[in-house]
Protein backbone atom coordinates (compact mmCIF):
# COMPACT_ATOMS: atom_id res chain seq x y z
CA MET A 1 -0.10 0.09 -0.13
CA VAL A 2 2.90 2.49 0.74
CA THR A 3 4.32 1.91 -2.72
CA GLU A 4 0.99 2.44 -4.18
CA VAL A 5 0.29 5.83 -2.11
CA MET A 6 3.92 6.97 -3.13
CA ASP A 7 3.18 5.93 -7.10
CA ALA A 8 0.02 8.38 -6.91
CA TYR A 9 1.99 11.03 -5.07
CA GLU A 10 4.41 11.09 -7.43
CA SER A 11 2.27 11.09 -10.41
CA HIS A 12 -0.33 13.41 -9.05
CA THR A 13 1.34 15.63 -6.52
CA LEU A 14 4.90 16.07 -7.47
CA PRO A 15 3.96 17.88 -10.72
CA VAL A 16 1.53 20.42 -9.17
CA LEU A 17 3.76 21.17 -6.16
CA LYS A 18 6.10 24.17 -7.67
CA SER A 19 2.75 26.06 -8.74
CA LEU A 20 1.48 26.05 -4.94
CA PRO A 21 2.07 28.82 -2.44
CA LYS A 22 4.58 28.55 0.16
CA ASP A 23 4.84 29.69 3.54
CA TYR A 24 6.52 28.95 7.00
CA ILE A 25 4.77 25.55 8.32
CA HIS A 26 5.20 23.85 11.41
CA SER A 27 4.72 20.35 9.75
CA ASP A 28 3.98 18.41 12.76
CA LEU A 29 0.58 19.58 13.91
CA ASN A 30 -0.87 16.66 16.18
CA ASP A 31 -2.41 15.86 19.16
CA HIS A 32 0.94 15.88 21.13
CA ASN A 33 1.58 19.31 19.92
CA ILE A 34 -1.62 21.28 20.28
CA LEU A 35 -2.99 22.74 23.46
CA VAL A 36 -6.62 23.10 23.63
CA GLY A 37 -8.09 25.39 26.29
CA GLU A 38 -11.39 24.73 28.33
CA PRO A 39 -14.75 24.65 26.92
CA ASP A 40 -16.21 28.27 26.48
CA LYS A 41 -19.94 29.07 27.19
CA SER A 42 -20.99 27.35 24.36
CA GLU A 43 -18.98 24.04 25.08
CA GLN A 44 -16.75 24.87 22.20
CA ARG A 45 -13.05 24.18 22.82
CA ARG A 46 -10.44 26.19 20.99
CA VAL A 47 -6.55 26.06 20.19
CA SER A 48 -4.82 27.78 22.82
CA GLY A 49 -1.26 27.02 21.72
CA ILE A 50 1.12 25.09 19.69
CA LEU A 51 4.15 23.13 21.02
CA ASP A 52 7.38 21.64 19.22
CA PHE A 53 8.57 23.83 16.42
CA ALA A 54 11.61 21.49 15.65
CA ASP A 55 10.02 20.68 12.08
CA LEU A 56 9.37 24.23 11.07
CA VAL A 57 10.15 24.44 7.52
CA PHE A 58 9.53 26.80 4.56
CA SER A 59 7.48 24.67 2.24
CA TYR A 60 4.07 24.31 0.59
CA ARG A 61 1.26 25.85 2.63
CA VAL A 62 -1.08 22.62 2.02
CA VAL A 63 1.16 20.37 3.40
CA ASP A 64 0.57 21.94 6.86
CA ILE A 65 -3.24 21.19 6.68
CA ALA A 66 -2.55 17.83 5.08
CA THR A 67 -0.53 16.89 8.19
CA ALA A 68 -2.96 17.90 10.65
CA MET A 69 -5.90 16.36 9.04
CA ALA A 70 -3.93 13.16 8.76
CA TYR A 71 -3.33 13.19 12.52
CA ALA A 72 -6.70 14.33 13.39
CA ALA A 73 -8.18 11.43 11.51
CA ILE A 74 -5.81 8.77 13.17
CA GLY A 75 -7.95 6.64 15.60
CA ASN A 76 -11.19 8.00 14.34
CA LYS A 77 -13.67 5.37 13.12
CA ASP A 78 -14.48 7.52 10.17
CA GLY A 79 -11.18 8.84 9.38
CA LEU A 80 -11.39 12.32 7.57
CA ASN A 81 -15.28 12.61 8.33
CA THR A 82 -15.28 14.07 11.52
CA VAL A 83 -12.61 15.90 13.48
CA SER A 84 -10.33 16.27 9.78
CA ARG A 85 -13.59 17.89 8.60
CA HIS A 86 -13.40 20.51 11.50
CA VAL A 87 -9.47 21.02 10.97
CA LEU A 88 -10.12 21.81 7.28
CA ALA A 89 -12.95 24.01 8.09
CA GLY A 90 -11.02 26.06 10.45
CA TYR A 91 -8.42 26.35 8.28
CA GLN A 92 -10.27 27.46 5.24
CA LYS A 93 -11.72 30.28 7.20
CA ILE A 94 -8.21 31.50 7.63
CA HIS A 95 -6.29 30.52 4.54
CA PRO A 96 -8.61 29.30 1.88
CA LEU A 97 -7.37 26.58 -0.16
CA SER A 98 -7.28 26.95 -3.89
CA ASP A 99 -8.67 24.16 -6.41
CA LYS A 100 -4.84 23.03 -6.94
CA GLU A 101 -4.29 22.57 -3.18
CA LEU A 102 -7.63 20.63 -2.72
CA ASP A 103 -6.69 18.30 -5.32
CA VAL A 104 -3.55 17.17 -4.04
CA LEU A 105 -5.03 17.35 -0.45
CA TYR A 106 -5.99 13.56 -0.40
CA TYR A 107 -2.24 12.37 -1.66
CA LEU A 108 -0.77 14.64 0.77
CA ILE A 109 -2.77 13.27 3.85
CA ALA A 110 -1.97 9.70 2.75
CA GLY A 111 1.75 10.36 2.04
CA ARG A 112 2.00 11.80 5.59
CA LEU A 113 0.43 8.79 7.06
CA CYS A 114 2.75 6.34 5.02
CA GLN A 115 5.48 8.45 6.62
CA THR A 116 4.38 8.33 10.02
CA CYS A 117 4.02 4.51 9.70
CA VAL A 118 7.40 3.77 7.92
CA LEU A 119 9.47 6.05 9.96
CA SER A 120 7.91 5.29 13.41
CA SER A 121 8.69 1.69 12.47
CA PHE A 122 12.28 2.46 11.35
CA TYR A 123 13.24 4.80 14.46
CA TYR A 124 11.71 2.02 16.63
CA SER A 125 14.00 -0.43 15.23
CA LEU A 126 16.95 1.78 16.20
CA HIS A 127 15.55 2.51 19.55
CA PRO A 128 13.43 -0.14 20.75
CA ALA A 129 13.26 1.28 24.39
CA ASN A 130 11.42 4.16 23.27
CA ASP A 131 7.68 3.55 23.26
CA TYR A 132 7.01 6.91 22.15
CA LEU A 133 8.06 6.25 18.64
CA LEU A 134 5.19 3.98 17.79
CA VAL A 135 2.42 6.10 19.55
CA HIS A 136 0.81 6.74 15.99
CA ALA A 137 2.15 3.85 14.11
CA GLY A 138 -0.63 1.30 14.77
CA PRO A 139 -3.62 3.59 14.43
CA ALA A 140 -1.89 5.44 11.41
CA TRP A 141 -2.00 2.03 9.58
CA ALA A 142 -5.55 1.35 10.20
CA THR A 143 -6.42 5.06 9.24
CA LEU A 144 -4.22 4.67 5.95
CA GLN A 145 -6.05 1.72 5.10
CA GLU A 146 -9.52 3.26 5.77
CA ILE A 147 -8.65 6.38 3.72
CA TRP A 148 -6.89 4.74 0.66
CA SER A 149 -9.88 2.48 0.35
CA GLN A 150 -12.08 5.20 -0.48
CA PRO A 151 -12.37 6.91 -3.66
CA LYS A 152 -10.51 10.10 -4.18
CA ALA A 153 -13.34 11.61 -5.92
CA LYS A 154 -15.51 10.91 -3.00
CA VAL A 155 -13.10 12.33 -0.62
CA ASP A 156 -12.45 15.32 -2.96
CA GLU A 157 -16.13 16.13 -2.77
CA MET A 158 -16.28 16.04 0.90
CA PHE A 159 -13.51 18.41 1.16
CA LYS A 160 -14.81 20.97 -1.39
CA SER A 161 -18.10 20.74 0.39
CA VAL A 162 -16.31 21.57 3.79
CA CYS A 163 -14.53 24.33 1.97
CA ASN A 164 -17.67 25.75 0.30
CA SER A 165 -19.47 25.83 3.56
CA GLN A 166 -16.91 28.69 5.22
C-alpha cells in the first residue's frame, strides 16, 4: 500500500507542487503538539497553543493542513469525516485553499500517514526502548487503509463541501 500511495503521490502531486503557495509551516501538527483550552460558554474548545517547532520549515502551505488532517484522522472510526472536517473548516476560514491545493490534499494526507508508519517503524528498530516512537504507528496504519480504500473523488467532494460552507 505504501508503494501505491507513493506512486500516486509522484504522478499526481509532485507535478503540481511547484505551482502551490509556500509559507513557513509547523509541519508536525498532531495531538501531542496542540494545546486546547477549556470549553467556553457554548461548550466549544479552541486551540490555545502549539508546541514543538523543531520541524518548522518553509514549504508548501497545503502540507501543514494535510499533516494536521492526517493526525486528526488517526484513531477516528470514520477517518476524514469527523475531526479532520473541523480542522479543514477552521483552516479554510483563515487560509482558503485553492482548487489545486484541494486536488492534492488527499495524496498529501495519505503520504503523511505513510511517512508516520514507515518512520515510526524505522526509528523504533533503532531505539526499541522508546515506546513513544510507536504512539501513532498502529492507528496510522488502520487510518491509512481506511482512507486509501475510499475513492479520491468521494473524498475530494467532501473536502469541497467543507470548504464551500466556510
